[in-house]
Amino acid sequence: MEEQKQTPSTPTPNDEASAAAAQESAAPEAAAVEEVAAQLAALEAKAREHYDLYMRAVAEGENIRRRAQEDVTKAHKFAIENFADNLLPVMDSLQAALADGSGDIAKLREGIELTARQLAAAFERGKIVELNPVGEKFDPHRHQAISMVPADQEPNTVVTVLQRGYTIADRVLRPALVTVAAPK
């Protein structure tokens, strides 16, 4: 038997059909690949945009935290500034009294009374309230008992105030030093 030899230069009808089919199927695949590549590029751009927004939000959050911390530090540092400003006239009055060499006791007393009123006004503006608990029931949170004395009052009632106490915004700054009525 003699073998038939085919030359590769002459394609058979089957080869042409399969090549055309391959070419037709390659065209949609190429289009699909291009479409996927375009979608990938769009998604990568969107991811970069979101990452940029995220980094900006992180930086803004850090700036807000830093500014808030600086504000708190300044508030602590200068919280007493308003109260100190209210005390300056009191200091001026005290220094004027010390500088007075006239020796007039009535004027000195008048100056001290004026200074005491200035100090009371400064305390009022600073929300410092005086505790003068004579006749009140003893409260260990607001009063400090020095002694118990026999008295006609009800037991555990404040009889005398040796040193006035003060509160600031309903918080005891200094308790009042008191004597308390002893039980009978």
C-alpha atoms as a PDB file:
ATOM      1  CA  MET A   1       0.000   0.000   0.000  1.00  0.00           C
ATOM      2  CA  GLU A   2       1.112   3.306  -0.855  1.00  0.00           C
ATOM      3  CA  GLU A   3       0.829   6.126   1.646  1.00  0.00           C
ATOM      4  CA  GLN A   4      -0.834   9.267   0.689  1.00  0.00           C
ATOM      5  CA  LYS A   5       1.154  12.251   1.395  1.00  0.00           C
ATOM      6  CA  GLN A   6      -0.478  15.530   2.139  1.00  0.00           C
ATOM      7  CA  THR A   7       1.338  18.692   1.984  1.00  0.00           C
ATOM      8  CA  PRO A   8       0.770  21.201   4.701  1.00  0.00           C
ATOM      9  CA  SER A   9       0.348  23.995   2.195  1.00  0.00           C
ATOM     10  CA  THR A  10      -2.991  22.705   1.042  1.00  0.00           C
ATOM     11  CA  PRO A  11      -5.508  22.886   3.854  1.00  0.00           C
ATOM     12  CA  THR A  12      -8.377  20.515   3.900  1.00  0.00           C
ATOM     13  CA  PRO A  13     -11.925  21.734   4.240  1.00  0.00           C
ATOM     14  CA  ASN A  14     -12.045  20.366   7.809  1.00  0.00           C
ATOM     15  CA  ASP A  15      -8.963  22.387   8.806  1.00  0.00           C
ATOM     16  CA  GLU A  16     -10.416  25.562   7.360  1.00  0.00           C
ATOM     17  CA  ALA A  17     -13.675  25.102   9.222  1.00  0.00           C
ATOM     18  CA  SER A  18     -11.948  24.468  12.537  1.00  0.00           C
ATOM     19  CA  ALA A  19      -9.639  27.491  12.041  1.00  0.00           C
ATOM     20  CA  ALA A  20     -12.629  29.719  11.282  1.00  0.00           C
ATOM     21  CA  ALA A  21     -14.449  28.400  14.336  1.00  0.00           C
ATOM     22  CA  ALA A  22     -11.389  28.999  16.493  1.00  0.00           C
ATOM     23  CA  GLN A  23     -11.082  32.522  15.156  1.00  0.00           C
ATOM     24  CA  GLU A  24     -14.762  33.207  15.811  1.00  0.00           C
ATOM     25  CA  SER A  25     -14.529  31.895  19.394  1.00  0.00           C
ATOM     26  CA  ALA A  26     -11.292  33.835  20.002  1.00  0.00           C
ATOM     27  CA  ALA A  27     -12.952  37.132  19.112  1.00  0.00           C
ATOM     28  CA  PRO A  28     -15.556  36.946  21.921  1.00  0.00           C
ATOM     29  CA  GLU A  29     -12.880  35.701  24.344  1.00  0.00           C
ATOM     30  CA  ALA A  30     -10.663  38.661  23.479  1.00  0.00           C
ATOM     31  CA  ALA A  31     -13.609  41.011  23.947  1.00  0.00           C
ATOM     32  CA  ALA A  32     -14.406  39.371  27.287  1.00  0.00           C
ATOM     33  CA  VAL A  33     -10.766  39.662  28.385  1.00  0.00           C
ATOM     34  CA  GLU A  34     -10.725  43.330  27.406  1.00  0.00           C
ATOM     35  CA  GLU A  35     -13.985  43.898  29.283  1.00  0.00           C
ATOM     36  CA  VAL A  36     -12.636  42.160  32.410  1.00  0.00           C
ATOM     37  CA  ALA A  37      -9.408  44.179  32.134  1.00  0.00           C
ATOM     38  CA  ALA A  38     -11.429  47.405  31.896  1.00  0.00           C
ATOM     39  CA  GLN A  39     -13.524  46.387  34.911  1.00  0.00           C
ATOM     40  CA  LEU A  40     -10.358  45.531  36.850  1.00  0.00           C
ATOM     41  CA  ALA A  41      -8.820  48.914  36.014  1.00  0.00           C
ATOM     42  CA  ALA A  42     -12.024  50.682  37.092  1.00  0.00           C
ATOM     43  CA  LEU A  43     -12.132  48.712  40.362  1.00  0.00           C
ATOM     44  CA  GLU A  44      -8.456  49.416  41.045  1.00  0.00           C
ATOM     45  CA  ALA A  45      -9.093  53.158  40.486  1.00  0.00           C
ATOM     46  CA  LYS A  46     -12.091  52.987  42.848  1.00  0.00           C
ATOM     47  CA  ALA A  47      -9.979  51.121  45.433  1.00  0.00           C
ATOM     48  CA  ARG A  48      -7.263  53.806  45.205  1.00  0.00           C
ATOM     49  CA  GLU A  49      -9.936  56.485  45.638  1.00  0.00           C
ATOM     50  CA  HIS A  50     -11.389  54.713  48.697  1.00  0.00           C
ATOM     51  CA  TYR A  51      -7.918  54.215  50.181  1.00  0.00           C
ATOM     52  CA  ASP A  52      -7.210  57.922  49.674  1.00  0.00           C
ATOM     53  CA  LEU A  53     -10.504  58.807  51.391  1.00  0.00           C
ATOM     54  CA  TYR A  54      -9.696  56.402  54.223  1.00  0.00           C
ATOM     55  CA  MET A  55      -6.235  57.910  54.742  1.00  0.00           C
ATOM     56  CA  ARG A  56      -7.735  61.423  54.770  1.00  0.00           C
ATOM     57  CA  ALA A  57     -10.345  60.337  57.335  1.00  0.00           C
ATOM     58  CA  VAL A  58      -7.640  58.783  59.527  1.00  0.00           C
ATOM     59  CA  ALA A  59      -5.554  61.968  59.309  1.00  0.00           C
ATOM     60  CA  GLU A  60      -8.599  64.139  60.083  1.00  0.00           C
ATOM     61  CA  GLY A  61      -9.464  61.941  63.073  1.00  0.00           C
ATOM     62  CA  GLU A  62      -5.896  62.233  64.342  1.00  0.00           C
ATOM     63  CA  ASN A  63      -5.988  66.032  63.894  1.00  0.00           C
ATOM     64  CA  ILE A  64      -9.285  66.263  65.790  1.00  0.00           C
ATOM     65  CA  ARG A  65      -7.892  64.110  68.615  1.00  0.00           C
ATOM     66  CA  ARG A  66      -4.723  66.217  68.800  1.00  0.00           C
ATOM     67  CA  ARG A  67      -6.676  69.509  68.791  1.00  0.00           C
ATOM     68  CA  ALA A  68      -9.041  68.225  71.485  1.00  0.00           C
ATOM     69  CA  GLN A  69      -6.089  67.151  73.617  1.00  0.00           C
ATOM     70  CA  GLU A  70      -4.506  70.610  73.190  1.00  0.00           C
ATOM     71  CA  ASP A  71      -7.824  72.247  74.142  1.00  0.00           C
ATOM     72  CA  VAL A  72      -8.064  70.128  77.300  1.00  0.00           C
ATOM     73  CA  THR A  73      -4.463  70.972  78.200  1.00  0.00           C
ATOM     74  CA  LYS A  74      -5.146  74.688  77.705  1.00  0.00           C
ATOM     75  CA  ALA A  75      -8.382  74.441  79.705  1.00  0.00           C
ATOM     76  CA  HIS A  76      -6.512  72.862  82.620  1.00  0.00           C
ATOM     77  CA  LYS A  77      -3.707  75.376  82.365  1.00  0.00           C
ATOM     78  CA  PHE A  78      -5.916  78.473  82.176  1.00  0.00           C
ATOM     79  CA  ALA A  79      -9.012  77.299  84.110  1.00  0.00           C
ATOM     80  CA  ILE A  80      -8.210  79.523  87.048  1.00  0.00           C
ATOM     81  CA  GLU A  81      -7.501  82.590  84.894  1.00  0.00           C
ATOM     82  CA  ASN A  82     -11.005  84.065  85.311  1.00  0.00           C
ATOM     83  CA  PHE A  83     -10.969  83.590  89.083  1.00  0.00           C
ATOM     84  CA  ALA A  84      -7.470  85.042  89.335  1.00  0.00           C
ATOM     85  CA  ASP A  85      -8.669  88.058  87.342  1.00  0.00           C
ATOM     86  CA  ASN A  86     -11.436  88.542  89.938  1.00  0.00           C
ATOM     87  CA  LEU A  87      -8.882  88.442  92.773  1.00  0.00           C
ATOM     88  CA  LEU A  88      -6.587  91.147  91.367  1.00  0.00           C
ATOM     89  CA  PRO A  89      -8.671  94.075  92.738  1.00  0.00           C
ATOM     90  CA  VAL A  90      -8.585  92.417  96.171  1.00  0.00           C
ATOM     91  CA  MET A  91      -4.785  92.296  96.023  1.00  0.00           C
ATOM     92  CA  ASP A  92      -4.684  95.940  94.915  1.00  0.00           C
ATOM     93  CA  SER A  93      -6.823  96.932  97.899  1.00  0.00           C
ATOM     94  CA  LEU A  94      -4.657  94.953 100.329  1.00  0.00           C
ATOM     95  CA  GLN A  95      -1.493  96.525  98.953  1.00  0.00           C
ATOM     96  CA  ALA A  96      -3.038  99.993  99.222  1.00  0.00           C
ATOM     97  CA  ALA A  97      -3.928  99.263 102.871  1.00  0.00           C
ATOM     98  CA  LEU A  98      -0.353  98.160 103.582  1.00  0.00           C
ATOM     99  CA  ALA A  99       1.045 101.275 101.919  1.00  0.00           C
ATOM    100  CA  ASP A 100      -1.214 103.594 103.975  1.00  0.00           C
ATOM    101  CA  GLY A 101       0.849 105.268 106.651  1.00  0.00           C
ATOM    102  CA  SER A 102      -1.783 107.657 108.007  1.00  0.00           C
ATOM    103  CA  GLY A 103      -2.494 105.570 111.111  1.00  0.00           C
ATOM    104  CA  ASP A 104      -6.231 106.373 110.965  1.00  0.00           C
ATOM    105  CA  ILE A 105      -7.878 103.200 112.302  1.00  0.00           C
ATOM    106  CA  ALA A 106     -11.346 104.178 110.992  1.00  0.00           C
ATOM    107  CA  LYS A 107     -10.021 104.496 107.422  1.00  0.00           C
ATOM    108  CA  LEU A 108      -8.091 101.239 107.773  1.00  0.00           C
ATOM    109  CA  ARG A 109     -11.240  99.450 109.002  1.00  0.00           C
ATOM    110  CA  GLU A 110     -13.266 100.931 106.131  1.00  0.00           C
ATOM    111  CA  GLY A 111     -10.602  99.747 103.655  1.00  0.00           C
ATOM    112  CA  ILE A 112     -10.611  96.235 105.127  1.00  0.00           C
ATOM    113  CA  GLU A 113     -14.420  96.079 104.895  1.00  0.00           C
ATOM    114  CA  LEU A 114     -14.255  97.200 101.249  1.00  0.00           C
ATOM    115  CA  THR A 115     -11.606  94.565 100.550  1.00  0.00           C
ATOM    116  CA  ALA A 116     -13.728  91.877 102.251  1.00  0.00           C
ATOM    117  CA  ARG A 117     -16.695  92.855 100.023  1.00  0.00           C
ATOM    118  CA  GLN A 118     -14.452  92.662  96.945  1.00  0.00           C
ATOM    119  CA  LEU A 119     -13.292  89.214  98.016  1.00  0.00           C
ATOM    120  CA  ALA A 120     -16.887  88.061  98.645  1.00  0.00           C
ATOM    121  CA  ALA A 121     -17.865  89.306  95.168  1.00  0.00           C
ATOM    122  CA  ALA A 122     -14.910  87.460  93.635  1.00  0.00           C
ATOM    123  CA  PHE A 123     -15.961  84.291  95.496  1.00  0.00           C
ATOM    124  CA  GLU A 124     -19.518  84.710  94.218  1.00  0.00           C
ATOM    125  CA  ARG A 125     -18.344  85.075  90.612  1.00  0.00           C
ATOM    126  CA  GLY A 126     -16.134  81.996  91.101  1.00  0.00           C
ATOM    127  CA  LYS A 127     -19.137  80.067  92.532  1.00  0.00           C
ATOM    128  CA  ILE A 128     -17.453  79.674  95.927  1.00  0.00           C
ATOM    129  CA  VAL A 129     -20.078  79.505  98.666  1.00  0.00           C
ATOM    130  CA  GLU A 130     -19.358  80.004 102.346  1.00  0.00           C
ATOM    131  CA  LEU A 131     -20.458  77.353 104.868  1.00  0.00           C
ATOM    132  CA  ASN A 132     -21.681  78.856 108.158  1.00  0.00           C
ATOM    133  CA  PRO A 133     -23.591  75.930 109.660  1.00  0.00           C
ATOM    134  CA  VAL A 134     -24.540  77.281 113.125  1.00  0.00           C
ATOM    135  CA  GLY A 135     -27.705  75.504 114.255  1.00  0.00           C
ATOM    136  CA  GLU A 136     -27.541  72.881 111.483  1.00  0.00           C
ATOM    137  CA  LYS A 137     -27.275  69.140 112.020  1.00  0.00           C
ATOM    138  CA  PHE A 138     -23.629  67.972 111.937  1.00  0.00           C
ATOM    139  CA  ASP A 139     -22.659  66.606 108.485  1.00  0.00           C
ATOM    140  CA  PRO A 140     -19.250  64.886 108.411  1.00  0.00           C
ATOM    141  CA  HIS A 141     -19.032  65.536 104.653  1.00  0.00           C
ATOM    142  CA  ARG A 142     -19.311  69.310 105.102  1.00  0.00           C
ATOM    143  CA  HIS A 143     -18.141  69.881 108.689  1.00  0.00           C
ATOM    144  CA  GLN A 144     -15.159  68.897 110.790  1.00  0.00           C
ATOM    145  CA  ALA A 145     -15.945  68.586 114.494  1.00  0.00           C
ATOM    146  CA  ILE A 146     -13.218  69.792 116.844  1.00  0.00           C
ATOM    147  CA  SER A 147     -15.048  69.019 120.066  1.00  0.00           C
ATOM    148  CA  MET A 148     -18.384  68.271 121.657  1.00  0.00           C
ATOM    149  CA  VAL A 149     -19.721  70.751 124.193  1.00  0.00           C
ATOM    150  CA  PRO A 150     -22.715  70.618 126.505  1.00  0.00           C
ATOM    151  CA  ALA A 151     -25.461  72.789 125.038  1.00  0.00           C
ATOM    152  CA  ASP A 152     -29.207  73.368 125.197  1.00  0.00           C
ATOM    153  CA  GLN A 153     -29.475  72.372 121.540  1.00  0.00           C
ATOM    154  CA  GLU A 154     -30.333  68.983 120.098  1.00  0.00           C
ATOM    155  CA  PRO A 155     -27.390  66.507 120.173  1.00  0.00           C
ATOM    156  CA  ASN A 156     -25.094  66.534 117.101  1.00  0.00           C
ATOM    157  CA  THR A 157     -26.093  70.094 116.202  1.00  0.00           C
ATOM    158  CA  VAL A 158     -23.418  72.630 115.303  1.00  0.00           C
ATOM    159  CA  VAL A 159     -23.019  75.059 118.228  1.00  0.00           C
ATOM    160  CA  THR A 160     -20.175  77.315 117.033  1.00  0.00           C
ATOM    161  CA  VAL A 161     -18.114  77.719 113.889  1.00  0.00           C
ATOM    162  CA  LEU A 162     -14.412  78.169 114.564  1.00  0.00           C
ATOM    163  CA  GLN A 163     -13.449  78.437 110.906  1.00  0.00           C
ATOM    164  CA  ARG A 164     -15.880  78.828 108.045  1.00  0.00           C
ATOM    165  CA  GLY A 165     -15.937  76.233 105.312  1.00  0.00           C
ATOM    166  CA  TYR A 166     -16.375  76.719 101.568  1.00  0.00           C
ATOM    167  CA  THR A 167     -17.864  74.810  98.671  1.00  0.00           C
ATOM    168  CA  ILE A 168     -17.283  75.248  94.981  1.00  0.00           C
ATOM    169  CA  ALA A 169     -20.021  73.999  92.657  1.00  0.00           C
ATOM    170  CA  ASP A 170     -21.543  71.930  95.519  1.00  0.00           C
ATOM    171  CA  ARG A 171     -18.208  70.264  96.235  1.00  0.00           C
ATOM    172  CA  VAL A 172     -16.540  70.879  99.576  1.00  0.00           C
ATOM    173  CA  LEU A 173     -13.429  72.987  99.129  1.00  0.00           C
ATOM    174  CA  ARG A 174     -12.766  73.166 102.870  1.00  0.00           C
ATOM    175  CA  PRO A 175     -15.004  71.785 105.631  1.00  0.00           C
ATOM    176  CA  ALA A 176     -16.156  74.128 108.385  1.00  0.00           C
ATOM    177  CA  LEU A 177     -14.374  73.650 111.740  1.00  0.00           C
ATOM    178  CA  VAL A 178     -17.148  73.353 114.313  1.00  0.00           C
ATOM    179  CA  THR A 179     -18.063  72.419 117.868  1.00  0.00           C
ATOM    180  CA  VAL A 180     -21.025  70.107 118.227  1.00  0.00           C
ATOM    181  CA  ALA A 181     -23.661  69.781 120.956  1.00  0.00           C
ATOM    182  CA  ALA A 182     -22.976  66.752 123.136  1.00  0.00           C
ATOM    183  CA  PRO A 183     -25.693  64.230 123.909  1.00  0.00           C
ATOM    184  CA  LYS A 184     -27.257  64.794 127.368  1.00  0.00           C
END
